[in-house]
Amino acid sequence: MSLPTPPSPMPGPAPRQRITPNRNNHQEKTRTVDNARTLIVHNSITIRGSIENIERLIVEGTVAVEHLTVKELIIAPDGHFHGSAEAGTAEVAGTLEGDLTVRNMLTIRTSGRLLGNAECRRLQVDEGGQVTGKLGMITSALPGNKDHNVSHHHESEKHSTESHHA
C-alpha cells in the first residue's frame, strides 16, 4: 500500500515573515498578546475607508481614512498616512498628511514629514525631520491626574522646518 503524495507548494515566493529577536520566552508571550490588535499595512498595499478596533497601526504602504483612534501609530519610512488621527503615541518616519492629536509622545524621525496640524504633549524631532503646518503643545494634566488645569495650546507656524538636535 502506498501513501498519497503530498501536494506541491503554491508557486511564487514564500510569504514574508517578520523575525524579531527575543531575549526570553516571557517577552515572546507578551509580544504575541500585544500584536493581537495590531494592523500592519505592508508596502504596495493601500487601504481607504475606515479602520476600527485596533490598538496599533503600522503603515508601510498607504492608508487614507477620515478618522482613526489608536494607542500607537507608526508610519515607516516608505509609509503614507492621509487623514485625521488620534493616538497615545506616534512615530512618523514616512509622511503624514492631515490632522494628528497625540496624547503623549510624538516623534518625527529624520525621514519623517508631518504636513498639517498636530497637537502633542511631548515632541521629539530628529535632525532632518520636517513639520509643515500648525503645531500645538498640550499642557493640561493627563486624564486621571488630580491636577485638572484647562488645556493651553501654544501654536507655532512651521514651514518645512528642519530641527537640528545633537
Protein backbone atom coordinates (compact mmCIF):
# COMPACT_ATOMS: atom_id res chain seq x y z
CA MET A 1 0.00 0.00 0.00
CA SER A 2 1.41 3.40 -0.92
CA LEU A 3 0.78 6.72 0.80
CA PRO A 4 -0.63 9.62 -1.21
CA THR A 5 1.87 12.17 -2.44
CA PRO A 6 1.61 15.48 -0.53
CA PRO A 7 0.50 18.46 -2.62
CA SER A 8 3.25 20.61 -4.08
CA PRO A 9 3.71 24.06 -2.53
CA MET A 10 1.99 27.07 -4.07
CA PRO A 11 4.01 28.70 -6.85
CA GLY A 12 5.60 32.05 -6.19
CA PRO A 13 7.77 33.48 -3.43
CA ALA A 14 7.39 32.36 0.16
CA PRO A 15 5.31 34.62 2.40
CA ARG A 16 7.24 37.47 4.04
CA GLN A 17 7.83 36.90 7.73
CA ARG A 18 8.97 39.31 10.37
CA ILE A 19 11.69 37.95 12.58
CA THR A 20 12.12 39.77 15.84
CA PRO A 21 14.87 38.65 18.22
CA ASN A 22 13.56 37.90 21.70
CA ARG A 23 15.55 37.67 24.89
CA ASN A 24 13.30 35.10 26.57
CA ASN A 25 10.00 33.26 26.31
CA HIS A 26 8.18 35.79 28.53
CA GLN A 27 8.83 38.55 26.01
CA GLU A 28 7.58 36.30 23.21
CA LYS A 29 4.30 35.70 25.04
CA THR A 30 3.92 39.41 25.78
CA ARG A 31 4.70 40.38 22.17
CA THR A 32 2.12 37.89 20.88
CA VAL A 33 -0.56 39.42 23.10
CA ASP A 34 0.50 42.95 22.07
CA ASN A 35 0.20 42.05 18.38
CA ALA A 36 -3.36 40.72 18.82
CA ARG A 37 -4.82 44.12 17.82
CA THR A 38 -2.05 45.34 15.51
CA LEU A 39 -2.65 46.10 11.84
CA ILE A 40 0.38 46.23 9.55
CA VAL A 41 -0.22 47.76 6.11
CA HIS A 42 2.72 46.43 4.11
CA ASN A 43 4.49 48.11 1.16
CA SER A 44 2.46 48.33 -2.05
CA ILE A 45 -0.84 47.98 -0.13
CA THR A 46 -3.38 50.80 0.02
CA ILE A 47 -6.29 50.97 2.46
CA ARG A 48 -9.03 53.58 2.01
CA GLY A 49 -12.07 53.91 4.24
CA SER A 50 -12.37 53.26 7.95
CA ILE A 51 -10.26 51.20 10.32
CA GLU A 52 -11.76 50.25 13.67
CA ASN A 53 -11.00 48.22 16.79
CA ILE A 54 -7.22 48.19 16.56
CA GLU A 55 -4.69 49.37 19.12
CA ARG A 56 -1.59 49.74 16.95
CA LEU A 57 -1.30 50.72 13.28
CA ILE A 58 1.97 50.26 11.41
CA VAL A 59 1.92 51.91 7.99
CA GLU A 60 4.49 50.72 5.46
CA GLY A 61 2.16 51.28 2.48
CA THR A 62 -0.66 53.85 2.18
CA VAL A 63 -3.61 54.47 4.50
CA ALA A 64 -6.32 57.05 3.77
CA VAL A 65 -9.02 57.40 6.44
CA GLU A 66 -11.37 60.10 7.63
CA HIS A 67 -10.61 59.49 11.33
CA LEU A 68 -8.58 56.92 13.26
CA THR A 69 -8.17 56.39 17.01
CA VAL A 70 -5.34 54.10 18.20
CA LYS A 71 -2.97 53.70 21.12
CA GLU A 72 0.08 53.67 18.86
CA LEU A 73 0.61 54.95 15.31
CA ILE A 74 3.82 54.10 13.46
CA ILE A 75 4.50 55.35 9.95
CA ALA A 76 7.52 53.61 8.41
CA PRO A 77 9.93 55.49 6.09
CA ASP A 78 8.02 54.43 2.94
CA GLY A 79 4.60 54.77 4.59
CA HIS A 80 1.96 57.40 3.79
CA PHE A 81 -0.97 58.30 6.06
CA HIS A 82 -3.71 60.67 4.87
CA GLY A 83 -6.50 61.81 7.19
CA SER A 84 -7.16 62.58 10.83
CA ALA A 85 -5.72 60.52 13.69
CA GLU A 86 -5.73 60.49 17.46
CA ALA A 87 -3.08 58.37 19.18
CA GLY A 88 -1.49 57.76 22.55
CA THR A 89 1.95 57.81 20.92
CA ALA A 90 3.03 58.35 17.32
CA GLU A 91 6.24 57.89 15.38
CA VAL A 92 6.47 59.40 11.90
CA ALA A 93 9.34 58.20 9.72
CA GLY A 94 7.29 58.46 6.49
CA THR A 95 4.66 61.04 5.53
CA LEU A 96 1.55 62.05 7.47
CA GLU A 97 -0.83 64.48 5.75
CA GLY A 98 -3.74 65.74 7.82
CA ASP A 99 -4.52 66.32 11.48
CA LEU A 100 -2.85 64.47 14.34
CA THR A 101 -3.52 64.59 18.08
CA VAL A 102 -1.06 62.69 20.28
CA ARG A 103 -1.88 62.40 23.98
CA ASN A 104 1.75 61.63 24.89
CA MET A 105 4.90 61.49 22.74
CA LEU A 106 5.11 62.47 19.07
CA THR A 107 8.39 61.51 17.40
CA ILE A 108 9.32 62.76 13.93
CA ARG A 109 12.26 60.73 12.59
CA THR A 110 14.95 62.00 10.17
CA SER A 111 12.94 60.84 7.14
CA GLY A 112 9.59 61.91 8.65
CA ARG A 113 7.31 64.60 7.23
CA LEU A 114 4.25 65.95 9.03
CA LEU A 115 2.09 68.06 6.71
CA GLY A 116 -0.90 69.56 8.51
CA ASN A 117 -1.96 70.31 12.06
CA ALA A 118 -0.68 68.46 15.10
CA GLU A 119 -1.10 68.61 18.87
CA CYS A 120 1.00 66.66 21.33
CA ARG A 121 2.13 66.65 24.95
CA ARG A 122 5.78 65.81 24.21
CA LEU A 123 7.69 66.26 20.95
CA GLN A 124 10.93 64.88 19.55
CA VAL A 125 12.10 65.88 16.08
CA ASP A 126 15.24 64.17 14.81
CA GLU A 127 17.65 66.15 12.64
CA GLY A 128 16.13 66.35 9.16
CA GLY A 129 12.54 65.69 10.32
CA GLN A 130 10.03 68.15 8.86
CA VAL A 131 6.87 69.78 10.22
CA THR A 132 4.79 71.95 7.90
CA GLY A 133 1.64 73.48 9.39
CA LYS A 134 0.45 74.27 12.91
CA LEU A 135 1.93 72.55 15.92
CA GLY A 136 0.19 72.86 19.30
CA MET A 137 1.54 71.66 22.62
CA ILE A 138 -0.92 70.12 25.12
CA THR A 139 -0.05 71.39 28.59
CA SER A 140 -3.01 70.18 30.66
CA ALA A 141 -2.71 67.27 33.10
CA LEU A 142 -3.13 63.76 31.76
CA PRO A 143 -6.60 62.27 32.34
CA GLY A 144 -6.73 60.60 35.75
CA ASN A 145 -4.28 63.05 37.38
CA LYS A 146 -5.51 65.21 40.24
CA ASP A 147 -4.40 68.42 38.51
CA HIS A 148 -7.19 69.27 36.05
CA ASN A 149 -5.98 72.58 34.63
CA VAL A 150 -7.53 73.88 31.46
CA SER A 151 -5.55 72.83 28.40
CA HIS A 152 -3.28 75.53 26.98
CA HIS A 153 -2.18 75.25 23.39
CA HIS A 154 0.87 77.05 22.08
CA GLU A 155 0.61 77.22 18.33
CA SER A 156 3.52 77.96 16.09
CA GLU A 157 3.64 78.03 12.33
CA LYS A 158 6.45 75.98 10.83
CA HIS A 159 7.09 75.52 7.13
CA SER A 160 9.45 72.74 6.08
CA THR A 161 11.31 73.27 9.30
CA GLU A 162 14.26 71.06 10.00
CA SER A 163 15.16 70.51 13.61
CA HIS A 164 18.85 70.14 14.39
CA HIS A 165 19.27 68.23 17.63
CA ALA A 166 22.57 66.65 18.57
